Full PDB file with SEQRES, HELIX, SHEET, SSBOND, CRYST1, ORIGX, SCALE, CONECT and MASTER records, all heavy atoms in Angstrom:
SEQRES   1 A   37  ARG TYR LEU GLN GLU LYS GLU GLN ALA MET PRO SER LYS          
SEQRES   2 A   37  ALA LEU ILE ASN SER MET LEU ARG ASP PRO SER GLN ILE          
SEQRES   3 A   37  PRO ASP GLY VAL LEU ALA ASN GLN VAL TYR GLN                  
HELIX    1 AA1 TYR A    2  GLU A    7  1                                   6    
HELIX    2 AA2 LYS A   13  ARG A   21  1                                   9    
HELIX    3 AA3 PRO A   23  GLN A   25  5                                   3    
HELIX    4 AA4 GLY A   29  TYR A   36  1                                   8    
CRYST1    1.000    1.000    1.000  90.00  90.00  90.00 P 1           1          
ORIGX1      1.000000  0.000000  0.000000        0.00000                         
ORIGX2      0.000000  1.000000  0.000000        0.00000                         
ORIGX3      0.000000  0.000000  1.000000        0.00000                         
SCALE1      1.000000  0.000000  0.000000        0.00000                         
SCALE2      0.000000  1.000000  0.000000        0.00000                         
SCALE3      0.000000  0.000000  1.000000        0.00000                         
ATOM      1  N   ARG A   1       0.835  -1.206   0.000  1.00  0.00           N  
ATOM      2  CA  ARG A   1       0.000   0.000   0.000  1.00  0.00           C  
ATOM      3  C   ARG A   1       0.872   1.259   0.000  1.00  0.00           C  
ATOM      4  O   ARG A   1       0.568   2.242  -0.702  1.00  0.00           O  
ATOM      5  CB  ARG A   1      -0.914  -0.009   1.220  1.00  0.00           C  
ATOM      6  CG  ARG A   1      -1.771   1.241   1.401  1.00  0.00           C  
ATOM      7  CD  ARG A   1      -2.784   1.392   0.281  1.00  0.00           C  
ATOM      8  NE  ARG A   1      -3.588   2.584   0.478  1.00  0.00           N  
ATOM      9  CZ  ARG A   1      -3.200   3.811   0.160  1.00  0.00           C  
ATOM     10  NH1 ARG A   1      -2.002   4.002  -0.382  1.00  0.00           N  
ATOM     11  NH2 ARG A   1      -3.987   4.833   0.377  1.00  0.00           N  
ATOM     12  N   TYR A   2       1.956   1.244   0.744  1.00  0.00           N  
ATOM     13  CA  TYR A   2       2.880   2.378   0.797  1.00  0.00           C  
ATOM     14  C   TYR A   2       3.507   2.631  -0.579  1.00  0.00           C  
ATOM     15  O   TYR A   2       3.547   3.768  -1.064  1.00  0.00           O  
ATOM     16  CB  TYR A   2       3.969   2.114   1.838  1.00  0.00           C  
ATOM     17  CG  TYR A   2       5.194   2.988   1.677  1.00  0.00           C  
ATOM     18  CD1 TYR A   2       5.186   4.313   2.113  1.00  0.00           C  
ATOM     19  CD2 TYR A   2       6.355   2.488   1.080  1.00  0.00           C  
ATOM     20  CE1 TYR A   2       6.304   5.121   1.964  1.00  0.00           C  
ATOM     21  CE2 TYR A   2       7.474   3.286   0.925  1.00  0.00           C  
ATOM     22  CZ  TYR A   2       7.441   4.610   1.360  1.00  0.00           C  
ATOM     23  OH  TYR A   2       8.551   5.406   1.200  1.00  0.00           O  
ATOM     24  N   LEU A   3       3.987   1.573  -1.222  1.00  0.00           N  
ATOM     25  CA  LEU A   3       4.624   1.719  -2.534  1.00  0.00           C  
ATOM     26  C   LEU A   3       3.626   2.156  -3.597  1.00  0.00           C  
ATOM     27  O   LEU A   3       3.963   2.925  -4.505  1.00  0.00           O  
ATOM     28  CB  LEU A   3       5.279   0.393  -2.946  1.00  0.00           C  
ATOM     29  CG  LEU A   3       6.489  -0.041  -2.099  1.00  0.00           C  
ATOM     30  CD1 LEU A   3       6.930  -1.441  -2.492  1.00  0.00           C  
ATOM     31  CD2 LEU A   3       7.640   0.946  -2.263  1.00  0.00           C  
ATOM     32  N   GLN A   4       2.401   1.667  -3.455  1.00  0.00           N  
ATOM     33  CA  GLN A   4       1.353   2.055  -4.402  1.00  0.00           C  
ATOM     34  C   GLN A   4       1.087   3.553  -4.316  1.00  0.00           C  
ATOM     35  O   GLN A   4       0.927   4.242  -5.332  1.00  0.00           O  
ATOM     36  CB  GLN A   4       0.072   1.270  -4.107  1.00  0.00           C  
ATOM     37  CG  GLN A   4      -1.037   1.479  -5.123  1.00  0.00           C  
ATOM     38  CD  GLN A   4      -2.248   0.620  -4.802  1.00  0.00           C  
ATOM     39  OE1 GLN A   4      -2.236  -0.184  -3.885  1.00  0.00           O  
ATOM     40  NE2 GLN A   4      -3.309   0.804  -5.570  1.00  0.00           N  
ATOM     41  N   GLU A   5       1.075   4.087  -3.096  1.00  0.00           N  
ATOM     42  CA  GLU A   5       0.856   5.521  -2.901  1.00  0.00           C  
ATOM     43  C   GLU A   5       2.062   6.329  -3.362  1.00  0.00           C  
ATOM     44  O   GLU A   5       1.926   7.375  -4.005  1.00  0.00           O  
ATOM     45  CB  GLU A   5       0.583   5.808  -1.423  1.00  0.00           C  
ATOM     46  CG  GLU A   5       0.328   7.271  -1.120  1.00  0.00           C  
ATOM     47  CD  GLU A   5       0.085   7.509   0.363  1.00  0.00           C  
ATOM     48  OE1 GLU A   5       1.077   7.676   1.104  1.00  0.00           O  
ATOM     49  OE2 GLU A   5      -1.089   7.500   0.775  1.00  0.00           O  
ATOM     50  N   LYS A   6       3.246   5.827  -3.092  1.00  0.00           N  
ATOM     51  CA  LYS A   6       4.475   6.552  -3.417  1.00  0.00           C  
ATOM     52  C   LYS A   6       4.729   6.583  -4.930  1.00  0.00           C  
ATOM     53  O   LYS A   6       5.113   7.619  -5.489  1.00  0.00           O  
ATOM     54  CB  LYS A   6       5.660   5.902  -2.706  1.00  0.00           C  
ATOM     55  CG  LYS A   6       6.978   6.641  -2.876  1.00  0.00           C  
ATOM     56  CD  LYS A   6       8.074   5.972  -2.038  1.00  0.00           C  
ATOM     57  CE  LYS A   6       9.358   6.785  -2.084  1.00  0.00           C  
ATOM     58  NZ  LYS A   6       9.938   6.837  -3.430  1.00  0.00           N  
ATOM     59  N   GLU A   7       4.522   5.449  -5.592  1.00  0.00           N  
ATOM     60  CA  GLU A   7       4.836   5.346  -7.022  1.00  0.00           C  
ATOM     61  C   GLU A   7       3.630   5.603  -7.921  1.00  0.00           C  
ATOM     62  O   GLU A   7       3.780   5.664  -9.147  1.00  0.00           O  
ATOM     63  CB  GLU A   7       5.402   3.952  -7.317  1.00  0.00           C  
ATOM     64  CG  GLU A   7       6.617   3.561  -6.479  1.00  0.00           C  
ATOM     65  CD  GLU A   7       7.812   4.448  -6.740  1.00  0.00           C  
ATOM     66  OE1 GLU A   7       7.877   5.022  -7.844  1.00  0.00           O  
ATOM     67  OE2 GLU A   7       8.681   4.564  -5.843  1.00  0.00           O  
ATOM     68  N   GLN A   8       2.437   5.702  -7.302  1.00  0.00           N  
ATOM     69  CA  GLN A   8       1.208   5.877  -8.078  1.00  0.00           C  
ATOM     70  C   GLN A   8       1.004   4.735  -9.079  1.00  0.00           C  
ATOM     71  O   GLN A   8       0.493   4.924 -10.183  1.00  0.00           O  
ATOM     72  CB  GLN A   8       1.222   7.227  -8.814  1.00  0.00           C  
ATOM     73  CG  GLN A   8       1.205   8.428  -7.891  1.00  0.00           C  
ATOM     74  CD  GLN A   8      -0.062   8.486  -7.026  1.00  0.00           C  
ATOM     75  OE1 GLN A   8      -1.176   8.458  -7.548  1.00  0.00           O  
ATOM     76  NE2 GLN A   8       0.111   8.564  -5.722  1.00  0.00           N  
ATOM     77  N   ALA A   9       1.440   3.556  -8.673  1.00  0.00           N  
ATOM     78  CA  ALA A   9       1.279   2.363  -9.515  1.00  0.00           C  
ATOM     79  C   ALA A   9       1.432   1.137  -8.624  1.00  0.00           C  
ATOM     80  O   ALA A   9       2.023   1.204  -7.535  1.00  0.00           O  
ATOM     81  CB  ALA A   9       2.303   2.340 -10.641  1.00  0.00           C  
ATOM     82  N   MET A  10       0.895   0.009  -9.104  1.00  0.00           N  
ATOM     83  CA  MET A  10       0.993  -1.226  -8.339  1.00  0.00           C  
ATOM     84  C   MET A  10       2.425  -1.750  -8.393  1.00  0.00           C  
ATOM     85  O   MET A  10       2.968  -1.990  -9.466  1.00  0.00           O  
ATOM     86  CB  MET A  10       0.037  -2.289  -8.911  1.00  0.00           C  
ATOM     87  CG  MET A  10      -0.037  -3.553  -8.064  1.00  0.00           C  
ATOM     88  SD  MET A  10      -0.690  -3.254  -6.397  1.00  0.00           S  
ATOM     89  CE  MET A  10      -2.390  -2.839  -6.790  1.00  0.00           C  
ATOM     90  N   PRO A  11       3.073  -1.928  -7.245  1.00  0.00           N  
ATOM     91  CA  PRO A  11       4.462  -2.397  -7.238  1.00  0.00           C  
ATOM     92  C   PRO A  11       4.557  -3.863  -7.666  1.00  0.00           C  
ATOM     93  O   PRO A  11       3.618  -4.638  -7.482  1.00  0.00           O  
ATOM     94  CB  PRO A  11       4.888  -2.220  -5.773  1.00  0.00           C  
ATOM     95  CG  PRO A  11       3.601  -2.321  -5.010  1.00  0.00           C  
ATOM     96  CD  PRO A  11       2.560  -1.701  -5.885  1.00  0.00           C  
ATOM     97  N   SER A  12       5.688  -4.248  -8.230  1.00  0.00           N  
ATOM     98  CA  SER A  12       5.881  -5.630  -8.654  1.00  0.00           C  
ATOM     99  C   SER A  12       6.136  -6.526  -7.440  1.00  0.00           C  
ATOM    100  O   SER A  12       6.629  -6.070  -6.399  1.00  0.00           O  
ATOM    101  CB  SER A  12       7.058  -5.734  -9.610  1.00  0.00           C  
ATOM    102  OG  SER A  12       8.272  -5.448  -8.936  1.00  0.00           O  
ATOM    103  N   LYS A  13       5.807  -7.797  -7.588  1.00  0.00           N  
ATOM    104  CA  LYS A  13       6.062  -8.752  -6.510  1.00  0.00           C  
ATOM    105  C   LYS A  13       7.555  -8.875  -6.238  1.00  0.00           C  
ATOM    106  O   LYS A  13       7.966  -9.056  -5.088  1.00  0.00           O  
ATOM    107  CB  LYS A  13       5.479 -10.120  -6.875  1.00  0.00           C  
ATOM    108  CG  LYS A  13       3.961 -10.187  -6.823  1.00  0.00           C  
ATOM    109  CD  LYS A  13       3.471 -11.598  -7.075  1.00  0.00           C  
ATOM    110  CE  LYS A  13       1.947 -11.658  -6.968  1.00  0.00           C  
ATOM    111  NZ  LYS A  13       1.433 -13.046  -7.202  1.00  0.00           N  
ATOM    112  N   ALA A  14       8.348  -8.774  -7.311  1.00  0.00           N  
ATOM    113  CA  ALA A  14       9.802  -8.878  -7.153  1.00  0.00           C  
ATOM    114  C   ALA A  14      10.339  -7.767  -6.250  1.00  0.00           C  
ATOM    115  O   ALA A  14      11.201  -8.006  -5.393  1.00  0.00           O  
ATOM    116  CB  ALA A  14      10.479  -8.825  -8.515  1.00  0.00           C  
ATOM    117  N   LEU A  15       9.820  -6.542  -6.440  1.00  0.00           N  
ATOM    118  CA  LEU A  15      10.260  -5.419  -5.619  1.00  0.00           C  
ATOM    119  C   LEU A  15       9.846  -5.609  -4.166  1.00  0.00           C  
ATOM    120  O   LEU A  15      10.645  -5.395  -3.241  1.00  0.00           O  
ATOM    121  CB  LEU A  15       9.671  -4.109  -6.166  1.00  0.00           C  
ATOM    122  CG  LEU A  15       9.991  -2.842  -5.362  1.00  0.00           C  
ATOM    123  CD1 LEU A  15      11.492  -2.591  -5.331  1.00  0.00           C  
ATOM    124  CD2 LEU A  15       9.258  -1.637  -5.943  1.00  0.00           C  
ATOM    125  N   ILE A  16       8.604  -6.022  -3.946  1.00  0.00           N  
ATOM    126  CA  ILE A  16       8.108  -6.237  -2.584  1.00  0.00           C  
ATOM    127  C   ILE A  16       8.920  -7.323  -1.893  1.00  0.00           C  
ATOM    128  O   ILE A  16       9.348  -7.168  -0.738  1.00  0.00           O  
ATOM    129  CB  ILE A  16       6.614  -6.604  -2.605  1.00  0.00           C  
ATOM    130  CG1 ILE A  16       5.789  -5.418  -3.108  1.00  0.00           C  
ATOM    131  CG2 ILE A  16       6.141  -7.017  -1.208  1.00  0.00           C  
ATOM    132  CD1 ILE A  16       4.325  -5.730  -3.302  1.00  0.00           C  
ATOM    133  N   ASN A  17       9.143  -8.441  -2.589  1.00  0.00           N  
ATOM    134  CA  ASN A  17       9.913  -9.540  -2.002  1.00  0.00           C  
ATOM    135  C   ASN A  17      11.327  -9.106  -1.655  1.00  0.00           C  
ATOM    136  O   ASN A  17      11.877  -9.492  -0.617  1.00  0.00           O  
ATOM    137  CB  ASN A  17       9.956 -10.733  -2.966  1.00  0.00           C  
ATOM    138  CG  ASN A  17       8.607 -11.415  -3.099  1.00  0.00           C  
ATOM    139  OD1 ASN A  17       7.756 -11.317  -2.221  1.00  0.00           O  
ATOM    140  ND2 ASN A  17       8.406 -12.119  -4.197  1.00  0.00           N  
ATOM    141  N   SER A  18      11.924  -8.300  -2.515  1.00  0.00           N  
ATOM    142  CA  SER A  18      13.276  -7.819  -2.267  1.00  0.00           C  
ATOM    143  C   SER A  18      13.325  -6.943  -1.022  1.00  0.00           C  
ATOM    144  O   SER A  18      14.243  -7.060  -0.198  1.00  0.00           O  
ATOM    145  CB  SER A  18      13.773  -7.038  -3.487  1.00  0.00           C  
ATOM    146  OG  SER A  18      15.070  -6.527  -3.268  1.00  0.00           O  
ATOM    147  N   MET A  19      12.330  -6.076  -0.856  1.00  0.00           N  
ATOM    148  CA  MET A  19      12.295  -5.194   0.310  1.00  0.00           C  
ATOM    149  C   MET A  19      11.972  -5.957   1.589  1.00  0.00           C  
ATOM    150  O   MET A  19      12.449  -5.594   2.672  1.00  0.00           O  
ATOM    151  CB  MET A  19      11.277  -4.079   0.085  1.00  0.00           C  
ATOM    152  CG  MET A  19      11.717  -3.054  -0.943  1.00  0.00           C  
ATOM    153  SD  MET A  19      10.530  -1.695  -1.125  1.00  0.00           S  
ATOM    154  CE  MET A  19      11.476  -0.569  -2.176  1.00  0.00           C  
ATOM    155  N   LEU A  20      11.173  -7.016   1.490  1.00  0.00           N  
ATOM    156  CA  LEU A  20      10.885  -7.826   2.671  1.00  0.00           C  
ATOM    157  C   LEU A  20      12.132  -8.583   3.114  1.00  0.00           C  
ATOM    158  O   LEU A  20      12.377  -8.744   4.309  1.00  0.00           O  
ATOM    159  CB  LEU A  20       9.750  -8.815   2.373  1.00  0.00           C  
ATOM    160  CG  LEU A  20       8.347  -8.220   2.255  1.00  0.00           C  
ATOM    161  CD1 LEU A  20       7.359  -9.279   1.789  1.00  0.00           C  
ATOM    162  CD2 LEU A  20       7.890  -7.615   3.573  1.00  0.00           C  
ATOM    163  N   ARG A  21      12.928  -9.031   2.138  1.00  0.00           N  
ATOM    164  CA  ARG A  21      14.176  -9.725   2.476  1.00  0.00           C  
ATOM    165  C   ARG A  21      15.200  -8.753   3.055  1.00  0.00           C  
ATOM    166  O   ARG A  21      15.977  -9.115   3.940  1.00  0.00           O  
ATOM    167  CB  ARG A  21      14.752 -10.420   1.241  1.00  0.00           C  
ATOM    168  CG  ARG A  21      14.006 -11.680   0.806  1.00  0.00           C  
ATOM    169  CD  ARG A  21      14.805 -12.456  -0.234  1.00  0.00           C  
ATOM    170  NE  ARG A  21      14.984 -11.676  -1.458  1.00  0.00           N  
ATOM    171  CZ  ARG A  21      14.175 -11.738  -2.498  1.00  0.00           C  
ATOM    172  NH1 ARG A  21      13.111 -12.525  -2.468  1.00  0.00           N  
ATOM    173  NH2 ARG A  21      14.407 -11.011  -3.575  1.00  0.00           N  
ATOM    174  N   ASP A  22      15.193  -7.532   2.553  1.00  0.00           N  
ATOM    175  CA  ASP A  22      16.164  -6.522   3.003  1.00  0.00           C  
ATOM    176  C   ASP A  22      15.431  -5.200   3.228  1.00  0.00           C  
ATOM    177  O   ASP A  22      15.377  -4.353   2.333  1.00  0.00           O  
ATOM    178  CB  ASP A  22      17.267  -6.361   1.963  1.00  0.00           C  
ATOM    179  CG  ASP A  22      18.294  -5.309   2.381  1.00  0.00           C  
ATOM    180  OD1 ASP A  22      18.266  -4.880   3.558  1.00  0.00           O  
ATOM    181  OD2 ASP A  22      19.119  -4.919   1.528  1.00  0.00           O  
ATOM    182  N   PRO A  23      14.847  -4.992   4.417  1.00  0.00           N  
ATOM    183  CA  PRO A  23      14.067  -3.783   4.697  1.00  0.00           C  
ATOM    184  C   PRO A  23      14.836  -2.485   4.554  1.00  0.00           C  
ATOM    185  O   PRO A  23      14.223  -1.415   4.442  1.00  0.00           O  
ATOM    186  CB  PRO A  23      13.605  -3.992   6.152  1.00  0.00           C  
ATOM    187  CG  PRO A  23      13.632  -5.471   6.345  1.00  0.00           C  
ATOM    188  CD  PRO A  23      14.808  -5.950   5.535  1.00  0.00           C  
ATOM    189  N   SER A  24      16.176  -2.532   4.544  1.00  0.00           N  
ATOM    190  CA  SER A  24      16.945  -1.297   4.391  1.00  0.00           C  
ATOM    191  C   SER A  24      16.708  -0.654   3.028  1.00  0.00           C  
ATOM    192  O   SER A  24      17.034   0.519   2.825  1.00  0.00           O  
ATOM    193  CB  SER A  24      18.445  -1.578   4.574  1.00  0.00           C  
ATOM    194  OG  SER A  24      18.946  -2.394   3.525  1.00  0.00           O  
ATOM    195  N   GLN A  25      16.140  -1.407   2.073  1.00  0.00           N  
ATOM    196  CA  GLN A  25      15.815  -0.859   0.759  1.00  0.00           C  
ATOM    197  C   GLN A  25      14.565   0.024   0.792  1.00  0.00           C  
ATOM    198  O   GLN A  25      14.314   0.778  -0.150  1.00  0.00           O  
ATOM    199  CB  GLN A  25      15.582  -1.993  -0.240  1.00  0.00           C  
ATOM    200  CG  GLN A  25      16.778  -2.893  -0.482  1.00  0.00           C  
ATOM    201  CD  GLN A  25      16.455  -4.013  -1.453  1.00  0.00           C  
ATOM    202  OE1 GLN A  25      15.599  -3.868  -2.318  1.00  0.00           O  
ATOM    203  NE2 GLN A  25      17.126  -5.142  -1.309  1.00  0.00           N  
ATOM    204  N   ILE A  26      13.779  -0.072   1.853  1.00  0.00           N  
ATOM    205  CA  ILE A  26      12.538   0.695   1.947  1.00  0.00           C  
ATOM    206  C   ILE A  26      12.878   2.163   2.226  1.00  0.00           C  
ATOM    207  O   ILE A  26      13.571   2.463   3.212  1.00  0.00           O  
ATOM    208  CB  ILE A  26      11.626   0.140   3.066  1.00  0.00           C  
ATOM    209  CG1 ILE A  26      11.298  -1.338   2.774  1.00  0.00           C  
ATOM    210  CG2 ILE A  26      10.350   0.959   3.197  1.00  0.00           C  
ATOM    211  CD1 ILE A  26      10.550  -2.027   3.886  1.00  0.00           C  
ATOM    212  N   PRO A  27      12.410   3.094   1.387  1.00  0.00           N  
ATOM    213  CA  PRO A  27      12.770   4.518   1.546  1.00  0.00           C  
ATOM    214  C   PRO A  27      12.321   5.109   2.880  1.00  0.00           C  
ATOM    215  O   PRO A  27      13.008   5.976   3.429  1.00  0.00           O  
ATOM    216  CB  PRO A  27      12.046   5.204   0.382  1.00  0.00           C  
ATOM    217  CG  PRO A  27      11.826   4.113  -0.621  1.00  0.00           C  
ATOM    218  CD  PRO A  27      11.610   2.874   0.165  1.00  0.00           C  
ATOM    219  N   ASP A  28      11.205   4.666   3.384  1.00  0.00           N  
ATOM    220  CA  ASP A  28      10.659   5.200   4.634  1.00  0.00           C  
ATOM    221  C   ASP A  28      11.284   4.453   5.813  1.00  0.00           C  
ATOM    222  O   ASP A  28      11.067   3.263   6.001  1.00  0.00           O  
ATOM    223  CB  ASP A  28       9.138   5.032   4.639  1.00  0.00           C  
ATOM    224  CG  ASP A  28       8.484   5.726   5.815  1.00  0.00           C  
ATOM    225  OD1 ASP A  28       8.792   5.346   6.961  1.00  0.00           O  
ATOM    226  OD2 ASP A  28       7.664   6.626   5.593  1.00  0.00           O  
ATOM    227  N   GLY A  29      12.053   5.176   6.640  1.00  0.00           N  
ATOM    228  CA  GLY A  29      12.748   4.552   7.755  1.00  0.00           C  
ATOM    229  C   GLY A  29      11.828   3.932   8.783  1.00  0.00           C  
ATOM    230  O   GLY A  29      12.131   2.876   9.356  1.00  0.00           O  
ATOM    231  N   VAL A  30      10.710   4.595   9.050  1.00  0.00           N  
ATOM    232  CA  VAL A  30       9.752   4.073  10.026  1.00  0.00           C  
ATOM    233  C   VAL A  30       9.181   2.744   9.548  1.00  0.00           C  
ATOM    234  O   VAL A  30       9.133   1.758  10.279  1.00  0.00           O  
ATOM    235  CB  VAL A  30       8.608   5.087  10.262  1.00  0.00           C  
ATOM    236  CG1 VAL A  30       7.555   4.484  11.173  1.00  0.00           C  
ATOM    237  CG2 VAL A  30       9.166   6.366  10.862  1.00  0.00           C  
ATOM    238  N   LEU A  31       8.753   2.713   8.298  1.00  0.00           N  
ATOM    239  CA  LEU A  31       8.191   1.491   7.740  1.00  0.00           C  
ATOM    240  C   LEU A  31       9.250   0.386   7.671  1.00  0.00           C  
ATOM    241  O   LEU A  31       8.952  -0.775   7.943  1.00  0.00           O  
ATOM    242  CB  LEU A  31       7.616   1.756   6.345  1.00  0.00           C  
ATOM    243  CG  LEU A  31       7.026   0.547   5.619  1.00  0.00           C  
ATOM    244  CD1 LEU A  31       5.935  -0.107   6.454  1.00  0.00           C  
ATOM    245  CD2 LEU A  31       6.483   0.956   4.252  1.00  0.00           C  
ATOM    246  N   ALA A  32      10.481   0.751   7.317  1.00  0.00           N  
ATOM    247  CA  ALA A  32      11.564  -0.238   7.238  1.00  0.00           C  
ATOM    248  C   ALA A  32      11.744  -0.938   8.583  1.00  0.00           C  
ATOM    249  O   ALA A  32      11.889  -2.160   8.651  1.00  0.00           O  
ATOM    250  CB  ALA A  32      12.862   0.434   6.810  1.00  0.00           C  
ATOM    251  N   ASN A  33      11.707  -0.157   9.649  1.00  0.00           N  
ATOM    252  CA  ASN A  33      11.850  -0.719  10.988  1.00  0.00           C  
ATOM    253  C   ASN A  33      10.675  -1.617  11.338  1.00  0.00           C  
ATOM    254  O   ASN A  33      10.839  -2.696  11.923  1.00  0.00           O  
ATOM    255  CB  ASN A  33      11.976   0.408  12.017  1.00  0.00           C  
ATOM    256  CG  ASN A  33      12.098  -0.110  13.438  1.00  0.00           C  
ATOM    257  OD1 ASN A  33      12.984  -0.902  13.755  1.00  0.00           O  
ATOM    258  ND2 ASN A  33      11.199   0.331  14.303  1.00  0.00           N  
ATOM    259  N   GLN A  34       9.468  -1.187  10.971  1.00  0.00           N  
ATOM    260  CA  GLN A  34       8.272  -1.983  11.249  1.00  0.00           C  
ATOM    261  C   GLN A  34       8.298  -3.316  10.489  1.00  0.00           C  
ATOM    262  O   GLN A  34       7.952  -4.362  11.046  1.00  0.00           O  
ATOM    263  CB  GLN A  34       7.015  -1.195  10.874  1.00  0.00           C  
ATOM    264  CG  GLN A  34       6.754   0.024  11.730  1.00  0.00           C  
ATOM    265  CD  GLN A  34       6.491  -0.335  13.183  1.00  0.00           C  
ATOM    266  OE1 GLN A  34       5.677  -1.202  13.476  1.00  0.00           O  
ATOM    267  NE2 GLN A  34       7.192   0.331  14.096  1.00  0.00           N  
ATOM    268  N   VAL A  35       8.689  -3.263   9.231  1.00  0.00           N  
ATOM    269  CA  VAL A  35       8.765  -4.481   8.420  1.00  0.00           C  
ATOM    270  C   VAL A  35       9.801  -5.439   9.009  1.00  0.00           C  
ATOM    271  O   VAL A  35       9.561  -6.649   9.109  1.00  0.00           O  
ATOM    272  CB  VAL A  35       9.115  -4.132   6.956  1.00  0.00           C  
ATOM    273  CG1 VAL A  35       9.479  -5.393   6.169  1.00  0.00           C  
ATOM    274  CG2 VAL A  35       7.945  -3.420   6.294  1.00  0.00           C  
ATOM    275  N   TYR A  36      10.931  -4.892   9.417  1.00  0.00           N  
ATOM    276  CA  TYR A  36      11.991  -5.717  10.009  1.00  0.00           C  
ATOM    277  C   TYR A  36      11.479  -6.434  11.261  1.00  0.00           C  
ATOM    278  O   TYR A  36      11.696  -7.645  11.435  1.00  0.00           O  
ATOM    279  CB  TYR A  36      13.194  -4.840  10.362  1.00  0.00           C  
ATOM    280  CG  TYR A  36      14.259  -5.561  11.159  1.00  0.00           C  
ATOM    281  CD1 TYR A  36      15.128  -6.452  10.534  1.00  0.00           C  
ATOM    282  CD2 TYR A  36      14.371  -5.350  12.524  1.00  0.00           C  
ATOM    283  CE1 TYR A  36      16.097  -7.120  11.270  1.00  0.00           C  
ATOM    284  CE2 TYR A  36      15.331  -6.020  13.267  1.00  0.00           C  
ATOM    285  CZ  TYR A  36      16.192  -6.910  12.642  1.00  0.00           C  
ATOM    286  OH  TYR A  36      17.135  -7.575  13.383  1.00  0.00           O  
ATOM    287  N   GLN A  37      10.780  -5.694  12.122  1.00  0.00           N  
ATOM    288  CA  GLN A  37      10.271  -6.296  13.351  1.00  0.00           C  
ATOM    289  C   GLN A  37       9.262  -7.403  13.058  1.00  0.00           C  
ATOM    290  O   GLN A  37       9.215  -8.428  13.746  1.00  0.00           O  
ATOM    291  CB  GLN A  37       9.627  -5.224  14.232  1.00  0.00           C  
ATOM    292  CG  GLN A  37      10.630  -4.236  14.800  1.00  0.00           C  
ATOM    293  CD  GLN A  37       9.985  -3.239  15.734  1.00  0.00           C  
ATOM    294  OE1 GLN A  37       9.505  -3.589  16.796  1.00  0.00           O  
ATOM    295  NE2 GLN A  37       9.956  -1.977  15.334  1.00  0.00           N  
TER     296      GLN A  37                                                      
MASTER        0    0    0    4    0    0    0    6  295    1    0    3          
END                                                                             
């Protein structure tokens, strides 16, 4: 939902999976920390 709002488009599964594996790729620091936890 965050990426959809930020990019104004539906994010690819590959991008989401990559960010879930490595939350440091997420531009929003708060969200990155939440995903990591």
